[in-house]
Amino acid sequence: MIIVRILASVILLFSILFLPLWVSVVLAFAGMIYFSKFFEAVVVFLLSDALFGASEEKFYGMVFVSFFTFLIALILIEIFKKKLKFYS
């Protein structure tokens, strides 16, 4: 199982660097749902914001928008997974 998680992390990193953002978002959400505490997605989106991020006026000049979005999403998904009976 650890090999699959490492492979998923490498694929997510590749998608951040070379593929469109929507592909990375879909892969990150799939990883967060499939794996327990998939912090790699949050770290990869932090890297994405550090490399490609620009300050946004609509977010009050914040650069790390996708990082904070995926951090909140990971927390909410983990809370939701604990509430499900069939997810262990």
N, C-alpha and C. Protein backbone atom coordinates (compact mmCIF):
# COMPACT_ATOMS: atom_id res chain seq x y z
N MET A 1 0.82 -1.19 0.00
CA MET A 1 0.00 0.00 0.00
C MET A 1 0.87 1.26 0.00
N ILE A 2 2.03 1.19 0.62
CA ILE A 2 2.90 2.36 0.67
C ILE A 2 3.47 2.69 -0.70
N ILE A 3 3.68 1.67 -1.52
CA ILE A 3 4.18 1.89 -2.88
C ILE A 3 3.12 2.63 -3.71
N VAL A 4 1.86 2.28 -3.52
CA VAL A 4 0.78 2.95 -4.25
C VAL A 4 0.69 4.41 -3.82
N ARG A 5 0.86 4.67 -2.54
CA ARG A 5 0.80 6.04 -2.03
C ARG A 5 1.97 6.87 -2.57
N ILE A 6 3.15 6.30 -2.61
CA ILE A 6 4.31 7.01 -3.16
C ILE A 6 4.11 7.27 -4.65
N LEU A 7 3.61 6.28 -5.37
CA LEU A 7 3.33 6.45 -6.79
C LEU A 7 2.28 7.53 -7.02
N ALA A 8 1.26 7.57 -6.19
CA ALA A 8 0.22 8.60 -6.31
C ALA A 8 0.81 9.99 -6.04
N SER A 9 1.72 10.09 -5.09
CA SER A 9 2.36 11.37 -4.80
C SER A 9 3.22 11.84 -5.96
N VAL A 10 3.94 10.93 -6.58
CA VAL A 10 4.79 11.29 -7.72
C VAL A 10 3.93 11.70 -8.91
N ILE A 11 2.84 10.99 -9.14
CA ILE A 11 1.94 11.35 -10.24
C ILE A 11 1.31 12.72 -9.98
N LEU A 12 0.93 13.00 -8.74
CA LEU A 12 0.38 14.31 -8.41
C LEU A 12 1.41 15.42 -8.60
N LEU A 13 2.63 15.16 -8.22
CA LEU A 13 3.70 16.14 -8.44
C LEU A 13 3.92 16.38 -9.93
N PHE A 14 3.93 15.31 -10.72
CA PHE A 14 4.06 15.44 -12.17
C PHE A 14 2.91 16.26 -12.75
N SER A 15 1.70 16.01 -12.25
CA SER A 15 0.54 16.73 -12.78
C SER A 15 0.59 18.22 -12.42
N ILE A 16 1.10 18.55 -11.25
CA ILE A 16 1.24 19.96 -10.88
C ILE A 16 2.23 20.66 -11.78
N LEU A 17 3.31 19.99 -12.11
CA LEU A 17 4.36 20.62 -12.90
C LEU A 17 4.06 20.69 -14.38
N PHE A 18 3.36 19.69 -14.93
CA PHE A 18 3.25 19.60 -16.38
C PHE A 18 1.84 19.56 -16.94
N LEU A 19 0.83 19.34 -16.13
CA LEU A 19 -0.54 19.21 -16.63
C LEU A 19 -1.39 20.40 -16.18
N PRO A 20 -2.57 20.56 -16.77
CA PRO A 20 -3.44 21.67 -16.35
C PRO A 20 -3.89 21.52 -14.89
N LEU A 21 -4.30 22.63 -14.32
CA LEU A 21 -4.66 22.65 -12.90
C LEU A 21 -5.83 21.73 -12.59
N TRP A 22 -6.80 21.64 -13.48
CA TRP A 22 -7.98 20.84 -13.18
C TRP A 22 -7.63 19.35 -13.05
N VAL A 23 -6.62 18.88 -13.77
CA VAL A 23 -6.18 17.49 -13.64
C VAL A 23 -5.58 17.27 -12.25
N SER A 24 -4.79 18.22 -11.80
CA SER A 24 -4.18 18.13 -10.47
C SER A 24 -5.23 18.17 -9.38
N VAL A 25 -6.25 18.98 -9.55
CA VAL A 25 -7.31 19.09 -8.55
C VAL A 25 -8.07 17.76 -8.44
N VAL A 26 -8.39 17.17 -9.57
CA VAL A 26 -9.10 15.89 -9.57
C VAL A 26 -8.25 14.80 -8.93
N LEU A 27 -6.97 14.74 -9.28
CA LEU A 27 -6.07 13.73 -8.70
C LEU A 27 -5.89 13.94 -7.19
N ALA A 28 -5.80 15.20 -6.77
CA ALA A 28 -5.62 15.48 -5.35
C ALA A 28 -6.86 15.08 -4.55
N PHE A 29 -8.05 15.40 -5.06
CA PHE A 29 -9.27 15.00 -4.36
C PHE A 29 -9.41 13.48 -4.33
N ALA A 30 -9.05 12.82 -5.42
CA ALA A 30 -9.11 11.36 -5.43
C ALA A 30 -8.14 10.76 -4.41
N GLY A 31 -6.95 11.33 -4.32
CA GLY A 31 -5.98 10.86 -3.33
C GLY A 31 -6.43 11.11 -1.91
N MET A 32 -7.05 12.26 -1.68
CA MET A 32 -7.53 12.57 -0.32
C MET A 32 -8.67 11.66 0.09
N ILE A 33 -9.48 11.23 -0.86
CA ILE A 33 -10.59 10.33 -0.54
C ILE A 33 -10.08 8.89 -0.38
N TYR A 34 -9.16 8.47 -1.23
CA TYR A 34 -8.70 7.09 -1.21
C TYR A 34 -7.74 6.80 -0.05
N PHE A 35 -6.78 7.70 0.19
CA PHE A 35 -5.77 7.47 1.23
C PHE A 35 -6.16 8.19 2.52
N SER A 36 -5.68 7.64 3.62
CA SER A 36 -5.89 8.28 4.91
C SER A 36 -4.84 9.37 5.12
N LYS A 37 -5.29 10.55 5.43
CA LYS A 37 -4.42 11.71 5.70
C LYS A 37 -3.39 11.91 4.58
N PHE A 38 -3.88 12.25 3.42
CA PHE A 38 -3.05 12.43 2.23
C PHE A 38 -2.47 13.85 2.23
N PHE A 39 -1.52 14.11 3.14
CA PHE A 39 -0.91 15.43 3.28
C PHE A 39 -0.03 15.79 2.09
N GLU A 40 0.29 14.80 1.30
CA GLU A 40 1.12 15.06 0.12
C GLU A 40 0.44 16.03 -0.83
N ALA A 41 -0.88 15.96 -0.92
CA ALA A 41 -1.62 16.88 -1.80
C ALA A 41 -1.45 18.32 -1.33
N VAL A 42 -1.52 18.52 -0.03
CA VAL A 42 -1.37 19.87 0.51
C VAL A 42 0.04 20.39 0.27
N VAL A 43 1.03 19.54 0.46
CA VAL A 43 2.42 19.95 0.25
C VAL A 43 2.69 20.24 -1.23
N VAL A 44 2.12 19.43 -2.11
CA VAL A 44 2.32 19.65 -3.54
C VAL A 44 1.65 20.94 -3.99
N PHE A 45 0.49 21.26 -3.44
CA PHE A 45 -0.15 22.53 -3.80
C PHE A 45 0.56 23.72 -3.17
N LEU A 46 1.24 23.53 -2.05
CA LEU A 46 2.11 24.58 -1.51
C LEU A 46 3.26 24.83 -2.47
N LEU A 47 3.84 23.76 -2.99
CA LEU A 47 4.90 23.89 -4.00
C LEU A 47 4.37 24.59 -5.26
N SER A 48 3.16 24.24 -5.66
CA SER A 48 2.55 24.86 -6.83
C SER A 48 2.37 26.37 -6.62
N ASP A 49 1.89 26.75 -5.45
CA ASP A 49 1.72 28.17 -5.17
C ASP A 49 3.06 28.89 -5.08
N ALA A 50 4.07 28.22 -4.54
CA ALA A 50 5.39 28.84 -4.46
C ALA A 50 6.00 29.04 -5.85
N LEU A 51 5.74 28.10 -6.76
CA LEU A 51 6.31 28.20 -8.11
C LEU A 51 5.49 29.10 -9.03
N PHE A 52 4.17 28.92 -9.01
CA PHE A 52 3.33 29.56 -10.01
C PHE A 52 2.36 30.60 -9.44
N GLY A 53 2.32 30.75 -8.12
CA GLY A 53 1.32 31.62 -7.51
C GLY A 53 1.61 33.09 -7.69
N ALA A 54 0.54 33.85 -7.82
CA ALA A 54 0.63 35.30 -7.89
C ALA A 54 -0.41 35.86 -6.93
N SER A 55 -0.15 37.01 -6.38
CA SER A 55 -1.09 37.57 -5.42
C SER A 55 -2.39 37.95 -6.14
N GLU A 56 -3.48 37.67 -5.49
CA GLU A 56 -4.80 37.92 -6.05
C GLU A 56 -5.47 39.04 -5.27
N GLU A 57 -6.01 40.01 -5.98
CA GLU A 57 -6.71 41.11 -5.32
C GLU A 57 -7.99 40.63 -4.65
N LYS A 58 -8.68 39.68 -5.29
CA LYS A 58 -9.94 39.21 -4.71
C LYS A 58 -9.72 38.38 -3.45
N PHE A 59 -8.48 37.93 -3.21
CA PHE A 59 -8.15 37.21 -1.98
C PHE A 59 -7.25 38.06 -1.08
N TYR A 60 -7.36 39.37 -1.20
CA TYR A 60 -6.63 40.34 -0.36
C TYR A 60 -5.12 40.18 -0.47
N GLY A 61 -4.64 39.92 -1.65
CA GLY A 61 -3.20 39.83 -1.89
C GLY A 61 -2.55 38.53 -1.45
N MET A 62 -3.35 37.53 -1.10
CA MET A 62 -2.81 36.26 -0.63
C MET A 62 -2.27 35.46 -1.82
N VAL A 63 -1.10 34.87 -1.67
CA VAL A 63 -0.47 34.10 -2.75
C VAL A 63 -0.84 32.63 -2.65
N PHE A 64 -0.93 32.08 -1.46
CA PHE A 64 -1.09 30.64 -1.25
C PHE A 64 -2.57 30.25 -1.18
N VAL A 65 -3.31 30.53 -2.23
CA VAL A 65 -4.75 30.28 -2.25
C VAL A 65 -5.04 28.79 -2.35
N SER A 66 -4.44 28.09 -3.29
CA SER A 66 -4.74 26.67 -3.45
C SER A 66 -4.21 25.85 -2.27
N PHE A 67 -3.12 26.29 -1.65
CA PHE A 67 -2.61 25.60 -0.46
C PHE A 67 -3.65 25.61 0.66
N PHE A 68 -4.17 26.80 0.97
CA PHE A 68 -5.16 26.90 2.05
C PHE A 68 -6.47 26.22 1.67
N THR A 69 -6.83 26.26 0.39
CA THR A 69 -8.04 25.59 -0.06
C THR A 69 -7.94 24.09 0.15
N PHE A 70 -6.81 23.51 -0.23
CA PHE A 70 -6.65 22.07 -0.08
C PHE A 70 -6.38 21.66 1.36
N LEU A 71 -5.83 22.53 2.16
CA LEU A 71 -5.69 22.23 3.59
C LEU A 71 -7.05 22.13 4.25
N ILE A 72 -7.92 23.07 3.94
CA ILE A 72 -9.28 23.04 4.49
C ILE A 72 -10.04 21.84 3.93
N ALA A 73 -9.87 21.56 2.63
CA ALA A 73 -10.55 20.41 2.03
C ALA A 73 -10.09 19.10 2.67
N LEU A 74 -8.80 18.97 2.95
CA LEU A 74 -8.29 17.74 3.58
C LEU A 74 -8.89 17.57 4.97
N ILE A 75 -8.96 18.63 5.73
CA ILE A 75 -9.54 18.56 7.07
C ILE A 75 -11.01 18.16 7.00
N LEU A 76 -11.76 18.77 6.09
CA LEU A 76 -13.17 18.45 5.96
C LEU A 76 -13.40 17.03 5.46
N ILE A 77 -12.59 16.58 4.54
CA ILE A 77 -12.74 15.21 4.03
C ILE A 77 -12.40 14.20 5.12
N GLU A 78 -11.37 14.46 5.91
CA GLU A 78 -11.03 13.53 7.00
C GLU A 78 -12.13 13.49 8.06
N ILE A 79 -12.74 14.62 8.36
CA ILE A 79 -13.86 14.64 9.31
C ILE A 79 -15.03 13.85 8.74
N PHE A 80 -15.31 14.06 7.45
CA PHE A 80 -16.41 13.35 6.81
C PHE A 80 -16.15 11.85 6.75
N LYS A 81 -14.92 11.44 6.50
CA LYS A 81 -14.60 10.01 6.44
C LYS A 81 -14.77 9.34 7.79
N LYS A 82 -14.52 10.07 8.87
CA LYS A 82 -14.71 9.49 10.21
C LYS A 82 -16.20 9.28 10.50
N LYS A 83 -17.05 10.09 9.89
CA LYS A 83 -18.50 9.96 10.12
C LYS A 83 -19.11 8.81 9.34
N LEU A 84 -18.44 8.36 8.28
CA LEU A 84 -18.98 7.26 7.48
C LEU A 84 -18.74 5.92 8.19
N LYS A 85 -19.74 5.08 8.17
CA LYS A 85 -19.62 3.78 8.83
C LYS A 85 -18.75 2.82 8.03
N PHE A 86 -18.86 2.83 6.71
CA PHE A 86 -18.18 1.83 5.90
C PHE A 86 -16.75 2.21 5.59
N TYR A 87 -16.30 3.40 5.95
CA TYR A 87 -14.91 3.80 5.69
C TYR A 87 -14.08 3.51 6.92
N SER A 88 -13.00 2.77 6.74
CA SER A 88 -12.16 2.45 7.91
C SER A 88 -10.76 2.96 7.76
